[in-house]
Amino acid sequence: MAGLTAAACGRGDGPVATELRFEWRAGEGFRGQVSMHEAFRDQPQAATLSYRDGEEPRMGPEIADGILRPKMGEVAKFLVVVTNPTDEPLRFWVTPHLPAPYSAERGLVIHCLCTGQQYEVPPRGVWTRVIEAGLIPEGATRGPVVLTHAFIAGEVPEAP
């Protein structure tokens, strides 16, 4: 019984599972539809692709709840998917992620999409980016951690 209790509380012999919750916010004018999907093992981190209307994007099942549960010290790989429902190209960028609790940033390992890059989705097309995220033991947070990203329509602002 003590072993089960220790394992359930994260003090067992195996790696502790963490919880990362992803939230997507649409900034003013952003008309894309954002979803999260499982990535395939052979899809390289940061691979960013656009698909025209009628082309089939390569992605696994949707992660509808937006929650990843990687083991402590490991990263989970997934796809951020933006679908453009309009007849015009959709240009956007993504603000730096905001973790809650804020202290989670210290232990967060994330190869993200909020890099200051300009992205574009063709009319009625789909855009995908491979992301990796996890928590390291040296950080004080074990989870759950909520990571919020805002998608902003238009051009990336120039630095002053």
C-alpha atoms as a PDB file:
ATOM      1  CA  MET A   1       0.000   0.000   0.000  1.00  0.00           C
ATOM      2  CA  ALA A   2       2.817   2.442   0.844  1.00  0.00           C
ATOM      3  CA  GLY A   3       4.359   1.815  -2.611  1.00  0.00           C
ATOM      4  CA  LEU A   4       1.080   2.655  -4.356  1.00  0.00           C
ATOM      5  CA  THR A   5       0.680   5.809  -2.303  1.00  0.00           C
ATOM      6  CA  ALA A   6       4.261   6.865  -3.010  1.00  0.00           C
ATOM      7  CA  ALA A   7       3.837   6.241  -6.743  1.00  0.00           C
ATOM      8  CA  ALA A   8       0.540   8.134  -6.828  1.00  0.00           C
ATOM      9  CA  CYS A   9       2.150  11.084  -5.066  1.00  0.00           C
ATOM     10  CA  GLY A  10       5.137  11.138  -7.417  1.00  0.00           C
ATOM     11  CA  ARG A  11       7.688   9.599  -5.064  1.00  0.00           C
ATOM     12  CA  GLY A  12       7.834   6.142  -6.639  1.00  0.00           C
ATOM     13  CA  ASP A  13      10.618   4.611  -8.686  1.00  0.00           C
ATOM     14  CA  GLY A  14       9.376   5.724 -12.129  1.00  0.00           C
ATOM     15  CA  PRO A  15       9.418   9.165 -13.739  1.00  0.00           C
ATOM     16  CA  VAL A  16       6.706  11.536 -12.561  1.00  0.00           C
ATOM     17  CA  ALA A  17       4.107  12.580 -15.137  1.00  0.00           C
ATOM     18  CA  THR A  18       3.581  16.307 -15.573  1.00  0.00           C
ATOM     19  CA  GLU A  19       0.678  18.221 -17.058  1.00  0.00           C
ATOM     20  CA  LEU A  20       0.956  21.014 -19.616  1.00  0.00           C
ATOM     21  CA  ARG A  21      -2.283  22.684 -20.695  1.00  0.00           C
ATOM     22  CA  PHE A  22      -2.190  24.755 -23.880  1.00  0.00           C
ATOM     23  CA  GLU A  23      -4.626  27.609 -24.453  1.00  0.00           C
ATOM     24  CA  TRP A  24      -4.911  29.555 -27.696  1.00  0.00           C
ATOM     25  CA  ARG A  25      -6.279  33.106 -27.839  1.00  0.00           C
ATOM     26  CA  ALA A  26      -7.288  34.967 -30.988  1.00  0.00           C
ATOM     27  CA  GLY A  27      -6.140  38.561 -31.175  1.00  0.00           C
ATOM     28  CA  GLU A  28      -8.164  41.205 -32.974  1.00  0.00           C
ATOM     29  CA  GLY A  29      -8.700  40.267 -36.612  1.00  0.00           C
ATOM     30  CA  PHE A  30      -7.329  36.723 -36.334  1.00  0.00           C
ATOM     31  CA  ARG A  31      -9.826  34.499 -38.153  1.00  0.00           C
ATOM     32  CA  GLY A  32      -7.900  31.233 -38.145  1.00  0.00           C
ATOM     33  CA  GLN A  33      -9.060  28.136 -36.301  1.00  0.00           C
ATOM     34  CA  VAL A  34      -6.351  26.741 -33.993  1.00  0.00           C
ATOM     35  CA  SER A  35      -6.135  23.114 -32.909  1.00  0.00           C
ATOM     36  CA  MET A  36      -3.574  20.766 -31.413  1.00  0.00           C
ATOM     37  CA  HIS A  37      -2.736  17.339 -32.874  1.00  0.00           C
ATOM     38  CA  GLU A  38      -0.424  14.436 -32.227  1.00  0.00           C
ATOM     39  CA  ALA A  39       2.791  14.583 -34.260  1.00  0.00           C
ATOM     40  CA  PHE A  40       4.502  11.633 -35.900  1.00  0.00           C
ATOM     41  CA  ARG A  41       7.895  10.557 -34.547  1.00  0.00           C
ATOM     42  CA  ASP A  42       9.682  11.399 -37.800  1.00  0.00           C
ATOM     43  CA  GLN A  43       8.382  14.981 -37.933  1.00  0.00           C
ATOM     44  CA  PRO A  44      11.310  17.212 -36.919  1.00  0.00           C
ATOM     45  CA  GLN A  45      10.918  19.779 -34.174  1.00  0.00           C
ATOM     46  CA  ALA A  46      10.059  23.264 -35.541  1.00  0.00           C
ATOM     47  CA  ALA A  47       9.025  21.877 -38.957  1.00  0.00           C
ATOM     48  CA  THR A  48       6.596  24.486 -40.285  1.00  0.00           C
ATOM     49  CA  LEU A  49       4.481  23.678 -43.343  1.00  0.00           C
ATOM     50  CA  SER A  50       1.609  25.271 -45.248  1.00  0.00           C
ATOM     51  CA  TYR A  51      -0.921  23.311 -47.262  1.00  0.00           C
ATOM     52  CA  ARG A  52      -3.130  24.711 -50.018  1.00  0.00           C
ATOM     53  CA  ASP A  53      -6.853  24.046 -50.226  1.00  0.00           C
ATOM     54  CA  GLY A  54      -7.322  20.369 -51.081  1.00  0.00           C
ATOM     55  CA  GLU A  55      -3.880  19.239 -49.866  1.00  0.00           C
ATOM     56  CA  GLU A  56      -3.956  16.824 -46.939  1.00  0.00           C
ATOM     57  CA  PRO A  57      -1.798  17.870 -43.965  1.00  0.00           C
ATOM     58  CA  ARG A  58       0.164  15.126 -42.231  1.00  0.00           C
ATOM     59  CA  MET A  59      -1.039  15.065 -38.643  1.00  0.00           C
ATOM     60  CA  GLY A  60      -2.205  12.632 -36.025  1.00  0.00           C
ATOM     61  CA  PRO A  61      -5.451  12.700 -34.042  1.00  0.00           C
ATOM     62  CA  GLU A  62      -6.581  15.940 -32.422  1.00  0.00           C
ATOM     63  CA  ILE A  63      -5.647  16.557 -28.790  1.00  0.00           C
ATOM     64  CA  ALA A  64      -9.040  18.105 -28.089  1.00  0.00           C
ATOM     65  CA  ASP A  65      -8.448  18.955 -24.422  1.00  0.00           C
ATOM     66  CA  GLY A  66      -5.109  20.672 -25.199  1.00  0.00           C
ATOM     67  CA  ILE A  67      -3.337  18.747 -22.425  1.00  0.00           C
ATOM     68  CA  LEU A  68       0.040  17.003 -22.680  1.00  0.00           C
ATOM     69  CA  ARG A  69       1.320  14.663 -19.979  1.00  0.00           C
ATOM     70  CA  PRO A  70       5.040  14.128 -20.595  1.00  0.00           C
ATOM     71  CA  LYS A  71       7.162  12.476 -17.927  1.00  0.00           C
ATOM     72  CA  MET A  72       9.353  14.806 -15.868  1.00  0.00           C
ATOM     73  CA  GLY A  73      12.542  15.574 -17.778  1.00  0.00           C
ATOM     74  CA  GLU A  74      11.079  14.479 -21.127  1.00  0.00           C
ATOM     75  CA  VAL A  75       9.432  16.460 -23.901  1.00  0.00           C
ATOM     76  CA  ALA A  76       6.218  15.685 -25.733  1.00  0.00           C
ATOM     77  CA  LYS A  77       5.973  16.437 -29.449  1.00  0.00           C
ATOM     78  CA  PHE A  78       2.771  17.784 -30.999  1.00  0.00           C
ATOM     79  CA  LEU A  79       1.461  19.901 -33.875  1.00  0.00           C
ATOM     80  CA  VAL A  80      -0.141  23.302 -33.683  1.00  0.00           C
ATOM     81  CA  VAL A  81      -2.564  23.523 -36.604  1.00  0.00           C
ATOM     82  CA  VAL A  82      -4.123  26.707 -37.996  1.00  0.00           C
ATOM     83  CA  THR A  83      -6.935  26.362 -40.530  1.00  0.00           C
ATOM     84  CA  ASN A  84      -7.792  29.396 -42.658  1.00  0.00           C
ATOM     85  CA  PRO A  85     -11.550  29.431 -43.387  1.00  0.00           C
ATOM     86  CA  THR A  86     -11.302  32.562 -45.575  1.00  0.00           C
ATOM     87  CA  ASP A  87     -10.644  33.195 -49.273  1.00  0.00           C
ATOM     88  CA  GLU A  88      -7.673  35.448 -48.436  1.00  0.00           C
ATOM     89  CA  PRO A  89      -4.199  34.522 -47.178  1.00  0.00           C
ATOM     90  CA  LEU A  90      -3.966  34.691 -43.385  1.00  0.00           C
ATOM     91  CA  ARG A  91      -0.763  36.343 -42.126  1.00  0.00           C
ATOM     92  CA  PHE A  92      -0.108  36.126 -38.394  1.00  0.00           C
ATOM     93  CA  TRP A  93       2.466  35.971 -35.619  1.00  0.00           C
ATOM     94  CA  VAL A  94       2.308  34.611 -32.080  1.00  0.00           C
ATOM     95  CA  THR A  95       3.049  36.491 -28.856  1.00  0.00           C
ATOM     96  CA  PRO A  96       5.476  34.961 -26.333  1.00  0.00           C
ATOM     97  CA  HIS A  97       3.783  32.294 -24.234  1.00  0.00           C
ATOM     98  CA  LEU A  98       2.540  33.205 -20.778  1.00  0.00           C
ATOM     99  CA  PRO A  99       2.875  30.372 -18.239  1.00  0.00           C
ATOM    100  CA  ALA A 100       0.707  30.052 -15.148  1.00  0.00           C
ATOM    101  CA  PRO A 101       2.022  29.798 -12.556  1.00  0.00           C
ATOM    102  CA  TYR A 102       4.700  32.264 -13.670  1.00  0.00           C
ATOM    103  CA  SER A 103       7.356  30.316 -11.761  1.00  0.00           C
ATOM    104  CA  ALA A 104       6.876  27.445 -14.227  1.00  0.00           C
ATOM    105  CA  GLU A 105       9.010  29.316 -16.780  1.00  0.00           C
ATOM    106  CA  ARG A 106      12.097  28.285 -14.793  1.00  0.00           C
ATOM    107  CA  GLY A 107      11.527  24.574 -15.399  1.00  0.00           C
ATOM    108  CA  LEU A 108       9.843  24.806 -18.785  1.00  0.00           C
ATOM    109  CA  VAL A 109      11.507  23.334 -21.855  1.00  0.00           C
ATOM    110  CA  ILE A 110       9.644  24.397 -24.984  1.00  0.00           C
ATOM    111  CA  HIS A 111      10.613  24.670 -28.615  1.00  0.00           C
ATOM    112  CA  CYS A 112       7.794  26.994 -29.492  1.00  0.00           C
ATOM    113  CA  LEU A 113       6.000  28.899 -32.222  1.00  0.00           C
ATOM    114  CA  CYS A 114       6.249  32.271 -30.433  1.00  0.00           C
ATOM    115  CA  THR A 115       9.586  33.125 -32.006  1.00  0.00           C
ATOM    116  CA  GLY A 116       8.793  36.497 -33.583  1.00  0.00           C
ATOM    117  CA  GLN A 117       8.400  34.856 -36.991  1.00  0.00           C
ATOM    118  CA  GLN A 118       5.805  35.845 -39.561  1.00  0.00           C
ATOM    119  CA  TYR A 119       3.554  32.972 -40.646  1.00  0.00           C
ATOM    120  CA  GLU A 120       1.088  32.660 -43.516  1.00  0.00           C
ATOM    121  CA  VAL A 121      -1.742  30.240 -44.273  1.00  0.00           C
ATOM    122  CA  PRO A 122      -2.990  30.034 -47.875  1.00  0.00           C
ATOM    123  CA  PRO A 123      -6.659  30.797 -48.608  1.00  0.00           C
ATOM    124  CA  ARG A 124      -8.768  27.895 -47.269  1.00  0.00           C
ATOM    125  CA  GLY A 125      -5.485  26.185 -46.407  1.00  0.00           C
ATOM    126  CA  VAL A 126      -3.827  24.700 -43.345  1.00  0.00           C
ATOM    127  CA  TRP A 127      -0.588  25.580 -41.532  1.00  0.00           C
ATOM    128  CA  THR A 128       1.249  23.260 -39.125  1.00  0.00           C
ATOM    129  CA  ARG A 129       4.231  23.581 -36.779  1.00  0.00           C
ATOM    130  CA  VAL A 130       5.886  20.844 -34.720  1.00  0.00           C
ATOM    131  CA  ILE A 131       6.386  21.853 -31.076  1.00  0.00           C
ATOM    132  CA  GLU A 132       8.132  20.069 -28.201  1.00  0.00           C
ATOM    133  CA  ALA A 133       7.380  20.859 -24.555  1.00  0.00           C
ATOM    134  CA  GLY A 134       8.132  19.472 -21.109  1.00  0.00           C
ATOM    135  CA  LEU A 135       9.295  20.262 -17.573  1.00  0.00           C
ATOM    136  CA  ILE A 136      12.734  19.610 -16.107  1.00  0.00           C
ATOM    137  CA  PRO A 137      13.290  18.433 -12.517  1.00  0.00           C
ATOM    138  CA  GLU A 138      15.417  21.505 -11.697  1.00  0.00           C
ATOM    139  CA  GLY A 139      12.329  23.720 -12.013  1.00  0.00           C
ATOM    140  CA  ALA A 140      10.156  24.173  -8.944  1.00  0.00           C
ATOM    141  CA  THR A 141       6.906  23.337 -10.763  1.00  0.00           C
ATOM    142  CA  ARG A 142       5.526  19.860 -11.320  1.00  0.00           C
ATOM    143  CA  GLY A 143       2.296  21.028 -12.948  1.00  0.00           C
ATOM    144  CA  PRO A 144      -0.285  21.591 -13.954  1.00  0.00           C
ATOM    145  CA  VAL A 145       1.119  24.436 -16.026  1.00  0.00           C
ATOM    146  CA  VAL A 146      -1.109  26.472 -18.339  1.00  0.00           C
ATOM    147  CA  LEU A 147       0.626  27.969 -21.389  1.00  0.00           C
ATOM    148  CA  THR A 148      -1.331  30.699 -23.149  1.00  0.00           C
ATOM    149  CA  HIS A 149      -0.459  31.909 -26.643  1.00  0.00           C
ATOM    150  CA  ALA A 150      -2.136  34.752 -28.546  1.00  0.00           C
ATOM    151  CA  PHE A 151      -2.359  34.619 -32.335  1.00  0.00           C
ATOM    152  CA  ILE A 152      -2.195  38.103 -33.841  1.00  0.00           C
ATOM    153  CA  ALA A 153      -3.363  38.864 -37.392  1.00  0.00           C
ATOM    154  CA  GLY A 154      -1.081  40.898 -39.627  1.00  0.00           C
ATOM    155  CA  GLU A 155       2.597  41.713 -39.710  1.00  0.00           C
ATOM    156  CA  VAL A 156       5.117  41.269 -36.906  1.00  0.00           C
ATOM    157  CA  PRO A 157       5.815  44.737 -35.456  1.00  0.00           C
ATOM    158  CA  GLU A 158       9.279  46.086 -36.153  1.00  0.00           C
ATOM    159  CA  ALA A 159      11.583  46.534 -33.181  1.00  0.00           C
ATOM    160  CA  PRO A 160      12.078  50.179 -32.159  1.00  0.00           C
END
